[in-house]
N, C-alpha and C. Protein backbone atom coordinates (compact mmCIF):
# COMPACT_ATOMS: atom_id res chain seq x y z
N UNK A 1 62.76 64.73 67.15
CA UNK A 1 63.75 65.57 66.52
C UNK A 1 63.89 66.90 67.27
N UNK A 2 62.75 67.51 67.64
CA UNK A 2 62.79 68.77 68.36
C UNK A 2 63.43 68.60 69.74
N UNK A 3 63.19 67.46 70.39
CA UNK A 3 63.75 67.19 71.70
C UNK A 3 65.28 67.09 71.60
N UNK A 4 65.78 66.38 70.59
CA UNK A 4 67.22 66.24 70.40
C UNK A 4 67.87 67.59 70.11
N UNK A 5 67.20 68.41 69.30
CA UNK A 5 67.72 69.73 68.98
C UNK A 5 67.75 70.61 70.23
N UNK A 6 66.72 70.54 71.04
CA UNK A 6 66.66 71.31 72.29
C UNK A 6 67.79 70.89 73.24
N UNK A 7 67.99 69.59 73.37
CA UNK A 7 69.07 69.10 74.23
C UNK A 7 70.43 69.53 73.70
N UNK A 8 70.60 69.51 72.38
CA UNK A 8 71.87 69.91 71.79
C UNK A 8 72.14 71.40 72.06
N UNK A 9 71.11 72.23 71.92
CA UNK A 9 71.27 73.67 72.16
C UNK A 9 71.59 73.92 73.63
N UNK A 10 70.88 73.26 74.53
CA UNK A 10 71.14 73.41 75.96
C UNK A 10 72.55 72.94 76.30
N UNK A 11 72.97 71.81 75.73
CA UNK A 11 74.30 71.27 75.98
C UNK A 11 75.38 72.25 75.53
N UNK A 12 75.24 72.80 74.32
CA UNK A 12 76.22 73.76 73.79
C UNK A 12 76.26 75.01 74.67
N UNK A 13 75.09 75.50 75.09
CA UNK A 13 75.03 76.68 75.96
C UNK A 13 75.76 76.42 77.27
N UNK A 14 75.54 75.26 77.88
CA UNK A 14 76.20 74.93 79.14
C UNK A 14 77.71 74.80 78.98
N UNK A 15 78.16 74.23 77.86
CA UNK A 15 79.60 74.10 77.61
C UNK A 15 80.23 75.49 77.47
N UNK A 16 79.59 76.37 76.69
CA UNK A 16 80.12 77.73 76.51
C UNK A 16 80.12 78.47 77.84
N UNK A 17 79.05 78.34 78.61
CA UNK A 17 78.96 79.01 79.90
C UNK A 17 80.02 78.50 80.86
N UNK A 18 80.22 77.20 80.89
CA UNK A 18 81.21 76.60 81.78
C UNK A 18 82.63 77.03 81.40
N UNK A 19 82.94 77.06 80.12
CA UNK A 19 84.28 77.46 79.69
C UNK A 19 84.54 78.94 79.94
N UNK A 20 83.49 79.74 79.98
CA UNK A 20 83.66 81.17 80.17
C UNK A 20 83.63 81.60 81.62
N UNK A 21 83.29 80.73 82.52
CA UNK A 21 83.16 81.10 83.93
C UNK A 21 84.52 81.19 84.61
N UNK A 22 84.49 81.72 85.82
CA UNK A 22 85.71 81.88 86.59
C UNK A 22 86.27 80.53 87.01
N UNK A 23 87.56 80.40 86.87
CA UNK A 23 88.25 79.22 87.36
C UNK A 23 88.67 79.44 88.80
N UNK A 24 89.29 78.45 89.38
CA UNK A 24 89.75 78.60 90.76
C UNK A 24 91.03 79.43 90.82
N UNK A 25 91.33 79.94 92.00
CA UNK A 25 92.61 80.58 92.24
C UNK A 25 93.59 79.44 92.53
N UNK A 26 94.51 79.22 91.60
CA UNK A 26 95.52 78.18 91.79
C UNK A 26 96.61 78.75 92.67
N UNK A 27 96.91 78.07 93.75
CA UNK A 27 97.82 78.59 94.77
C UNK A 27 98.80 77.51 95.13
N UNK A 28 100.08 77.85 95.17
CA UNK A 28 101.10 76.85 95.47
C UNK A 28 102.19 77.45 96.35
N UNK A 29 102.58 76.71 97.38
CA UNK A 29 103.68 77.09 98.26
C UNK A 29 104.78 76.06 98.09
N UNK A 30 106.00 76.51 97.90
CA UNK A 30 107.14 75.59 97.76
C UNK A 30 107.18 74.69 98.99
N UNK A 31 107.28 73.38 98.81
CA UNK A 31 107.17 72.45 99.95
C UNK A 31 108.12 72.71 101.11
N UNK A 32 109.35 73.07 100.84
CA UNK A 32 110.31 73.28 101.93
C UNK A 32 110.48 74.77 102.22
N UNK A 33 109.42 75.54 102.02
CA UNK A 33 109.51 76.98 102.21
C UNK A 33 109.82 77.35 103.65
N UNK A 34 110.55 78.43 103.79
CA UNK A 34 110.85 78.95 105.13
C UNK A 34 110.11 80.27 105.35
N UNK A 35 109.25 80.62 104.42
CA UNK A 35 108.49 81.87 104.50
C UNK A 35 107.61 81.87 105.74
N UNK A 36 107.68 82.96 106.49
CA UNK A 36 106.86 83.11 107.70
C UNK A 36 106.03 84.38 107.58
N UNK A 37 104.86 84.36 108.13
CA UNK A 37 103.93 85.47 108.03
C UNK A 37 104.50 86.75 108.63
N UNK A 38 105.31 86.66 109.68
CA UNK A 38 105.81 87.86 110.36
C UNK A 38 107.13 88.36 109.78
N UNK A 39 107.56 87.79 108.65
CA UNK A 39 108.72 88.32 107.94
C UNK A 39 108.27 89.51 107.10
N UNK A 40 109.18 90.44 106.84
CA UNK A 40 108.80 91.64 106.09
C UNK A 40 108.63 91.32 104.61
N UNK A 41 107.62 91.96 104.02
CA UNK A 41 107.30 91.73 102.61
C UNK A 41 106.92 93.07 101.97
N UNK A 42 107.40 93.27 100.76
CA UNK A 42 107.05 94.45 99.97
C UNK A 42 106.25 93.99 98.77
N UNK A 43 105.18 94.72 98.47
CA UNK A 43 104.30 94.37 97.36
C UNK A 43 104.57 95.35 96.22
N UNK A 44 104.76 94.81 95.01
CA UNK A 44 105.03 95.66 93.86
C UNK A 44 104.30 95.16 92.62
N UNK A 45 103.86 96.12 91.81
CA UNK A 45 103.12 95.78 90.59
C UNK A 45 103.96 95.94 89.34
N UNK A 46 105.13 96.49 89.46
CA UNK A 46 105.95 96.74 88.28
C UNK A 46 105.47 97.94 87.48
N UNK A 47 104.66 98.80 88.09
CA UNK A 47 104.24 100.03 87.44
C UNK A 47 102.85 100.03 86.84
N UNK A 48 102.29 98.89 86.48
CA UNK A 48 100.96 98.83 85.87
C UNK A 48 99.95 98.40 86.92
N UNK A 49 99.14 99.35 87.36
CA UNK A 49 98.15 99.04 88.39
C UNK A 49 96.97 100.02 88.34
N UNK A 50 96.23 100.04 87.23
CA UNK A 50 95.13 101.00 87.12
C UNK A 50 93.98 100.76 88.10
N UNK A 51 93.85 99.56 88.65
CA UNK A 51 92.77 99.26 89.59
C UNK A 51 93.17 99.47 91.05
N UNK A 52 94.42 99.86 91.31
CA UNK A 52 94.85 100.07 92.69
C UNK A 52 94.95 98.78 93.49
N UNK A 53 95.31 97.70 92.83
CA UNK A 53 95.40 96.39 93.48
C UNK A 53 96.50 96.37 94.54
N UNK A 54 97.59 97.09 94.32
CA UNK A 54 98.69 97.11 95.30
C UNK A 54 98.20 97.58 96.66
N UNK A 55 97.47 98.66 96.69
CA UNK A 55 96.94 99.18 97.96
C UNK A 55 95.96 98.21 98.60
N UNK A 56 95.12 97.58 97.78
CA UNK A 56 94.17 96.60 98.31
C UNK A 56 94.90 95.41 98.92
N UNK A 57 95.96 94.94 98.24
CA UNK A 57 96.72 93.79 98.75
C UNK A 57 97.45 94.16 100.04
N UNK A 58 98.02 95.37 100.10
CA UNK A 58 98.69 95.80 101.32
C UNK A 58 97.71 95.78 102.49
N UNK A 59 96.52 96.32 102.27
CA UNK A 59 95.51 96.35 103.33
C UNK A 59 95.11 94.93 103.76
N UNK A 60 94.85 94.06 102.79
CA UNK A 60 94.43 92.70 103.11
C UNK A 60 95.51 91.94 103.88
N UNK A 61 96.77 92.07 103.47
CA UNK A 61 97.83 91.33 104.15
C UNK A 61 98.09 91.88 105.55
N UNK A 62 98.08 93.20 105.70
CA UNK A 62 98.26 93.78 107.04
C UNK A 62 97.12 93.33 107.96
N UNK A 63 95.89 93.32 107.44
CA UNK A 63 94.75 92.92 108.26
C UNK A 63 94.80 91.44 108.64
N UNK A 64 95.62 90.66 107.95
CA UNK A 64 95.76 89.23 108.26
C UNK A 64 97.08 88.93 108.97
N UNK A 65 97.74 89.98 109.48
CA UNK A 65 98.91 89.78 110.32
C UNK A 65 100.25 89.78 109.63
N UNK A 66 100.32 90.12 108.36
CA UNK A 66 101.59 90.15 107.66
C UNK A 66 102.30 91.48 107.91
N UNK A 67 103.63 91.46 107.91
CA UNK A 67 104.46 92.66 108.09
C UNK A 67 104.78 93.24 106.72
N UNK A 68 104.00 94.22 106.27
CA UNK A 68 104.15 94.80 104.94
C UNK A 68 104.93 96.11 105.04
N UNK A 69 105.96 96.23 104.19
CA UNK A 69 106.73 97.47 104.09
C UNK A 69 106.34 98.14 102.78
N UNK A 70 106.01 99.41 102.85
CA UNK A 70 105.63 100.18 101.67
C UNK A 70 106.72 100.09 100.61
N UNK A 71 106.32 100.02 99.36
CA UNK A 71 107.29 99.93 98.27
C UNK A 71 108.19 101.17 98.24
N UNK A 72 107.63 102.35 98.46
CA UNK A 72 108.42 103.58 98.45
C UNK A 72 109.48 103.57 99.55
N UNK A 73 109.12 103.14 100.74
CA UNK A 73 110.05 103.08 101.86
C UNK A 73 111.08 101.97 101.66
N UNK A 74 110.66 100.88 101.10
CA UNK A 74 111.56 99.75 100.91
C UNK A 74 112.68 100.07 99.93
N UNK A 75 112.44 100.99 99.01
CA UNK A 75 113.44 101.30 98.00
C UNK A 75 114.37 102.44 98.38
N UNK A 76 113.93 103.36 99.19
CA UNK A 76 114.74 104.53 99.49
C UNK A 76 115.59 104.31 100.74
N UNK A 77 116.85 104.64 100.63
CA UNK A 77 117.74 104.54 101.78
C UNK A 77 118.79 105.63 101.64
N UNK A 78 119.00 106.37 102.70
CA UNK A 78 120.05 107.38 102.70
C UNK A 78 121.29 106.77 103.33
N UNK A 79 122.42 107.02 102.73
CA UNK A 79 123.66 106.46 103.25
C UNK A 79 124.63 107.62 103.52
N UNK A 80 125.12 107.67 104.73
CA UNK A 80 126.06 108.72 105.15
C UNK A 80 127.45 108.10 105.24
N UNK A 81 128.40 108.74 104.58
CA UNK A 81 129.79 108.28 104.64
C UNK A 81 130.63 109.42 105.18
N UNK A 82 131.54 109.09 106.07
CA UNK A 82 132.48 110.12 106.52
C UNK A 82 133.86 109.50 106.67
N UNK A 83 134.84 110.37 106.60
CA UNK A 83 136.22 109.91 106.69
C UNK A 83 137.04 111.04 107.31
N UNK A 84 137.79 110.72 108.33
CA UNK A 84 138.68 111.71 108.96
C UNK A 84 140.09 111.15 108.88
N UNK A 85 140.96 111.96 108.33
CA UNK A 85 142.36 111.53 108.22
C UNK A 85 143.25 112.54 108.96
N UNK A 86 144.32 112.05 109.54
CA UNK A 86 145.28 112.92 110.23
C UNK A 86 146.67 112.65 109.67
N UNK A 87 147.41 113.72 109.54
CA UNK A 87 148.79 113.53 109.09
C UNK A 87 149.73 113.50 110.31
N UNK A 88 151.01 113.39 110.09
CA UNK A 88 151.98 113.26 111.17
C UNK A 88 152.12 114.52 112.01
N UNK A 89 151.72 115.67 111.51
CA UNK A 89 151.81 116.92 112.24
C UNK A 89 150.56 117.20 113.05
N UNK A 90 149.59 116.27 113.06
CA UNK A 90 148.36 116.47 113.82
C UNK A 90 147.29 117.22 113.07
N UNK A 91 147.53 117.50 111.80
CA UNK A 91 146.52 118.15 110.99
C UNK A 91 145.45 117.13 110.60
N UNK A 92 144.19 117.50 110.77
CA UNK A 92 143.08 116.60 110.43
C UNK A 92 142.30 117.13 109.23
N UNK A 93 141.82 116.21 108.47
CA UNK A 93 141.00 116.55 107.32
C UNK A 93 139.75 115.68 107.35
N UNK A 94 138.60 116.30 107.20
CA UNK A 94 137.34 115.56 107.25
C UNK A 94 136.68 115.58 105.88
N UNK A 95 136.06 114.48 105.58
CA UNK A 95 135.35 114.35 104.31
C UNK A 95 134.03 113.65 104.62
N UNK A 96 132.94 114.16 104.12
CA UNK A 96 131.64 113.54 104.38
C UNK A 96 130.77 113.63 103.13
N UNK A 97 129.90 112.65 102.97
CA UNK A 97 128.96 112.68 101.84
C UNK A 97 127.67 111.97 102.24
N UNK A 98 126.61 112.39 101.60
CA UNK A 98 125.30 111.80 101.82
C UNK A 98 124.78 111.39 100.46
N UNK A 99 124.37 110.16 100.31
CA UNK A 99 123.86 109.70 99.02
C UNK A 99 122.60 108.88 99.21
N UNK A 100 121.77 108.88 98.20
CA UNK A 100 120.54 108.11 98.21
C UNK A 100 120.76 106.89 97.32
N UNK A 101 120.46 105.72 97.86
CA UNK A 101 120.58 104.50 97.08
C UNK A 101 119.24 103.78 97.10
N UNK A 102 119.04 102.93 96.12
CA UNK A 102 117.82 102.13 96.10
C UNK A 102 118.16 100.72 96.54
N UNK A 103 117.38 100.23 97.48
CA UNK A 103 117.62 98.91 98.03
C UNK A 103 116.31 98.42 98.61
N UNK A 104 115.90 97.21 98.28
CA UNK A 104 114.69 96.67 98.87
C UNK A 104 115.07 96.08 100.21
N UNK A 105 114.51 96.63 101.28
CA UNK A 105 114.90 96.22 102.64
C UNK A 105 113.96 95.18 103.23
N UNK A 106 113.13 94.58 102.42
CA UNK A 106 112.27 93.50 102.90
C UNK A 106 112.99 92.17 102.74
N UNK A 107 112.47 91.17 103.38
CA UNK A 107 112.99 89.82 103.20
C UNK A 107 112.38 89.20 101.95
N UNK A 108 111.11 89.53 101.70
CA UNK A 108 110.38 88.98 100.55
C UNK A 108 109.78 90.10 99.72
N UNK A 109 109.57 89.81 98.46
CA UNK A 109 108.86 90.73 97.58
C UNK A 109 107.73 89.96 96.91
N UNK A 110 106.55 90.56 96.90
CA UNK A 110 105.39 89.98 96.24
C UNK A 110 105.17 90.78 94.97
N UNK A 111 105.32 90.11 93.84
CA UNK A 111 105.10 90.75 92.54
C UNK A 111 103.80 90.21 91.97
N UNK A 112 103.03 91.09 91.33
CA UNK A 112 101.79 90.63 90.73
C UNK A 112 101.55 91.35 89.41
N UNK A 113 100.71 90.75 88.59
CA UNK A 113 100.26 91.37 87.35
C UNK A 113 98.85 90.89 87.08
N UNK A 114 98.14 91.64 86.25
CA UNK A 114 96.77 91.26 85.95
C UNK A 114 96.27 91.91 84.67
N UNK A 115 95.22 91.33 84.15
CA UNK A 115 94.43 91.92 83.08
C UNK A 115 93.02 92.05 83.62
N UNK A 116 92.24 92.96 83.08
CA UNK A 116 90.90 93.14 83.60
C UNK A 116 89.96 93.60 82.50
N UNK A 117 88.67 93.57 82.80
CA UNK A 117 87.64 94.08 81.91
C UNK A 117 86.48 94.59 82.74
N UNK A 118 85.70 95.45 82.16
CA UNK A 118 84.50 95.95 82.83
C UNK A 118 83.42 94.88 82.74
N UNK A 119 82.67 94.71 83.80
CA UNK A 119 81.60 93.71 83.84
C UNK A 119 80.40 94.33 84.55
N UNK A 120 79.29 94.41 83.85
CA UNK A 120 78.08 94.92 84.47
C UNK A 120 77.32 93.75 85.07
N UNK A 121 76.93 93.75 86.29
CA UNK A 121 76.91 94.82 87.28
C UNK A 121 78.05 94.71 88.29
N UNK A 122 79.07 93.92 88.02
CA UNK A 122 80.12 93.64 89.01
C UNK A 122 81.27 94.63 89.00
N UNK A 123 81.25 95.60 88.12
CA UNK A 123 82.37 96.53 88.03
C UNK A 123 83.52 95.89 87.27
N UNK A 124 84.73 96.20 87.63
CA UNK A 124 85.89 95.59 86.98
C UNK A 124 86.15 94.21 87.55
N UNK A 125 86.49 93.28 86.66
CA UNK A 125 86.83 91.92 87.06
C UNK A 125 88.16 91.56 86.41
N UNK A 126 88.90 90.69 87.07
CA UNK A 126 90.14 90.19 86.47
C UNK A 126 89.80 89.27 85.31
N UNK A 127 90.56 89.38 84.22
CA UNK A 127 90.54 88.33 83.21
C UNK A 127 91.65 87.33 83.56
N UNK A 128 92.73 87.85 84.13
CA UNK A 128 93.80 87.00 84.64
C UNK A 128 94.52 87.73 85.76
N UNK A 129 95.12 86.97 86.64
CA UNK A 129 95.86 87.51 87.78
C UNK A 129 96.96 86.52 88.12
N UNK A 130 98.18 86.99 88.27
CA UNK A 130 99.28 86.13 88.71
C UNK A 130 100.05 86.85 89.82
N UNK A 131 100.57 86.09 90.74
CA UNK A 131 101.36 86.65 91.84
C UNK A 131 102.45 85.65 92.22
N UNK A 132 103.56 86.18 92.68
CA UNK A 132 104.62 85.32 93.21
C UNK A 132 105.32 86.04 94.35
N UNK A 133 105.76 85.26 95.32
CA UNK A 133 106.52 85.79 96.44
C UNK A 133 107.92 85.19 96.34
N UNK A 134 108.92 86.09 96.31
CA UNK A 134 110.31 85.68 96.12
C UNK A 134 111.12 86.06 97.35
N UNK A 135 111.95 85.13 97.81
CA UNK A 135 112.91 85.39 98.89
C UNK A 135 114.04 86.20 98.27
N UNK A 136 114.25 87.43 98.73
CA UNK A 136 115.24 88.30 98.12
C UNK A 136 116.68 87.88 98.40
N UNK A 137 116.90 87.10 99.44
CA UNK A 137 118.25 86.64 99.73
C UNK A 137 118.65 85.47 98.84
N UNK A 138 117.75 84.50 98.69
CA UNK A 138 118.07 83.30 97.92
C UNK A 138 117.60 83.36 96.48
N UNK A 139 116.63 84.23 96.19
CA UNK A 139 116.06 84.29 94.85
C UNK A 139 115.02 83.22 94.58
N UNK A 140 114.74 82.39 95.57
CA UNK A 140 113.77 81.31 95.38
C UNK A 140 112.34 81.84 95.40
N UNK A 141 111.52 81.30 94.51
CA UNK A 141 110.10 81.61 94.49
C UNK A 141 109.46 80.74 95.57
N UNK A 142 108.87 81.38 96.56
CA UNK A 142 108.28 80.66 97.69
C UNK A 142 106.80 80.36 97.47
N UNK A 143 106.08 81.28 96.82
CA UNK A 143 104.63 81.15 96.64
C UNK A 143 104.27 81.61 95.24
N UNK A 144 103.35 80.90 94.60
CA UNK A 144 102.81 81.35 93.32
C UNK A 144 101.29 81.24 93.36
N UNK A 145 100.65 82.09 92.58
CA UNK A 145 99.19 82.04 92.46
C UNK A 145 98.82 82.52 91.07
N UNK A 146 97.76 81.92 90.51
CA UNK A 146 97.24 82.43 89.25
C UNK A 146 95.73 82.17 89.19
N UNK A 147 95.07 83.03 88.44
CA UNK A 147 93.62 82.99 88.32
C UNK A 147 93.27 83.50 86.92
N UNK A 148 92.25 82.91 86.31
CA UNK A 148 91.74 83.44 85.06
C UNK A 148 90.26 83.12 84.95
N UNK A 149 89.58 83.97 84.19
CA UNK A 149 88.17 83.73 83.93
C UNK A 149 87.84 84.27 82.55
N UNK A 150 86.88 83.63 81.91
CA UNK A 150 86.48 84.01 80.56
C UNK A 150 85.45 85.13 80.56
N UNK A 151 84.85 85.32 79.41
CA UNK A 151 83.90 86.41 79.21
C UNK A 151 82.67 86.32 80.10
N UNK A 152 82.26 85.13 80.49
CA UNK A 152 81.08 84.98 81.32
C UNK A 152 81.42 84.94 82.81
N UNK A 153 82.69 84.93 83.14
CA UNK A 153 83.10 84.93 84.54
C UNK A 153 82.84 86.29 85.17
N UNK A 154 82.40 86.28 86.42
CA UNK A 154 82.08 87.55 87.08
C UNK A 154 82.63 87.63 88.50
N UNK A 155 83.68 86.87 88.77
CA UNK A 155 84.30 86.92 90.09
C UNK A 155 85.02 88.25 90.25
N UNK A 156 84.66 89.01 91.26
CA UNK A 156 85.17 90.37 91.42
C UNK A 156 86.65 90.39 91.79
N UNK A 157 87.28 91.53 91.52
CA UNK A 157 88.69 91.74 91.87
C UNK A 157 88.89 91.54 93.37
N UNK A 158 88.03 92.15 94.17
CA UNK A 158 88.20 92.06 95.62
C UNK A 158 88.03 90.63 96.13
N UNK A 159 87.15 89.85 95.54
CA UNK A 159 86.98 88.47 96.02
C UNK A 159 88.20 87.61 95.67
N UNK A 160 88.82 87.86 94.52
CA UNK A 160 90.04 87.12 94.15
C UNK A 160 91.17 87.49 95.11
N UNK A 161 91.30 88.80 95.42
CA UNK A 161 92.37 89.24 96.33
C UNK A 161 92.15 88.72 97.75
N UNK A 162 90.90 88.71 98.21
CA UNK A 162 90.60 88.14 99.54
C UNK A 162 90.95 86.66 99.58
N UNK A 163 90.60 85.94 98.53
CA UNK A 163 90.91 84.52 98.47
C UNK A 163 92.42 84.30 98.50
N UNK A 164 93.17 85.13 97.76
CA UNK A 164 94.62 85.04 97.77
C UNK A 164 95.17 85.26 99.17
N UNK A 165 94.73 86.34 99.83
CA UNK A 165 95.22 86.66 101.18
C UNK A 165 94.87 85.56 102.18
N UNK A 166 93.67 85.02 102.07
CA UNK A 166 93.25 83.95 102.98
C UNK A 166 94.05 82.67 102.75
N UNK A 167 94.28 82.31 101.49
CA UNK A 167 95.08 81.11 101.20
C UNK A 167 96.53 81.31 101.65
N UNK A 168 97.05 82.51 101.47
CA UNK A 168 98.41 82.80 101.92
C UNK A 168 98.50 82.67 103.43
N UNK A 169 97.55 83.24 104.13
CA UNK A 169 97.54 83.16 105.60
C UNK A 169 97.42 81.71 106.07
N UNK A 170 96.57 80.93 105.43
CA UNK A 170 96.36 79.55 105.84
C UNK A 170 97.49 78.60 105.47
N UNK A 171 98.33 79.00 104.51
CA UNK A 171 99.38 78.10 104.02
C UNK A 171 100.76 78.37 104.57
N UNK A 172 100.91 79.49 105.27
CA UNK A 172 102.23 79.93 105.70
C UNK A 172 102.36 79.81 107.22
N UNK A 173 103.55 79.47 107.67
CA UNK A 173 103.80 79.41 109.12
C UNK A 173 103.68 80.76 109.75
N UNK A 174 103.42 80.79 111.03
CA UNK A 174 103.23 82.06 111.73
C UNK A 174 104.44 82.46 112.58
N UNK A 175 105.48 81.65 112.62
CA UNK A 175 106.66 82.00 113.43
C UNK A 175 107.50 83.05 112.77
N UNK A 176 108.49 83.55 113.52
CA UNK A 176 109.38 84.58 112.96
C UNK A 176 110.58 83.95 112.34
């Protein structure tokens, strides 16, 4: 009786531990994707990024050969307009204006979101992480990734981001 109870307790503990551990980073590239590593990409979090994941991702992708354009630079563009008109008497009139417009000048945008929790001794860990890369011309989602882990999972933020960058590098063509 004691042996069966011990096995039952161990079995329940292992099930709880297994369900709470980190899952894999699920990564998918659209089969007929035309995404290339040397195409320009902008990374954006949509405003919520208390862990500074955007900067970490920019660093990881640049270090793996990706052409990353800063989100601030990708959005700001100055546009100069001028117009010169002449009438029949040879009188000229000039008109000029300078305006700031927002426009993402990358070919692709990488959007991500996440939830996190504090974990001793690992620091902050993701509870969930999702990312997608969208072709801004066609609107097609080229790459998706997601990750989640339960209360007992201790996979660090940096290890998940490194795995994402490595899988992206290994799954994407290197041509222009």
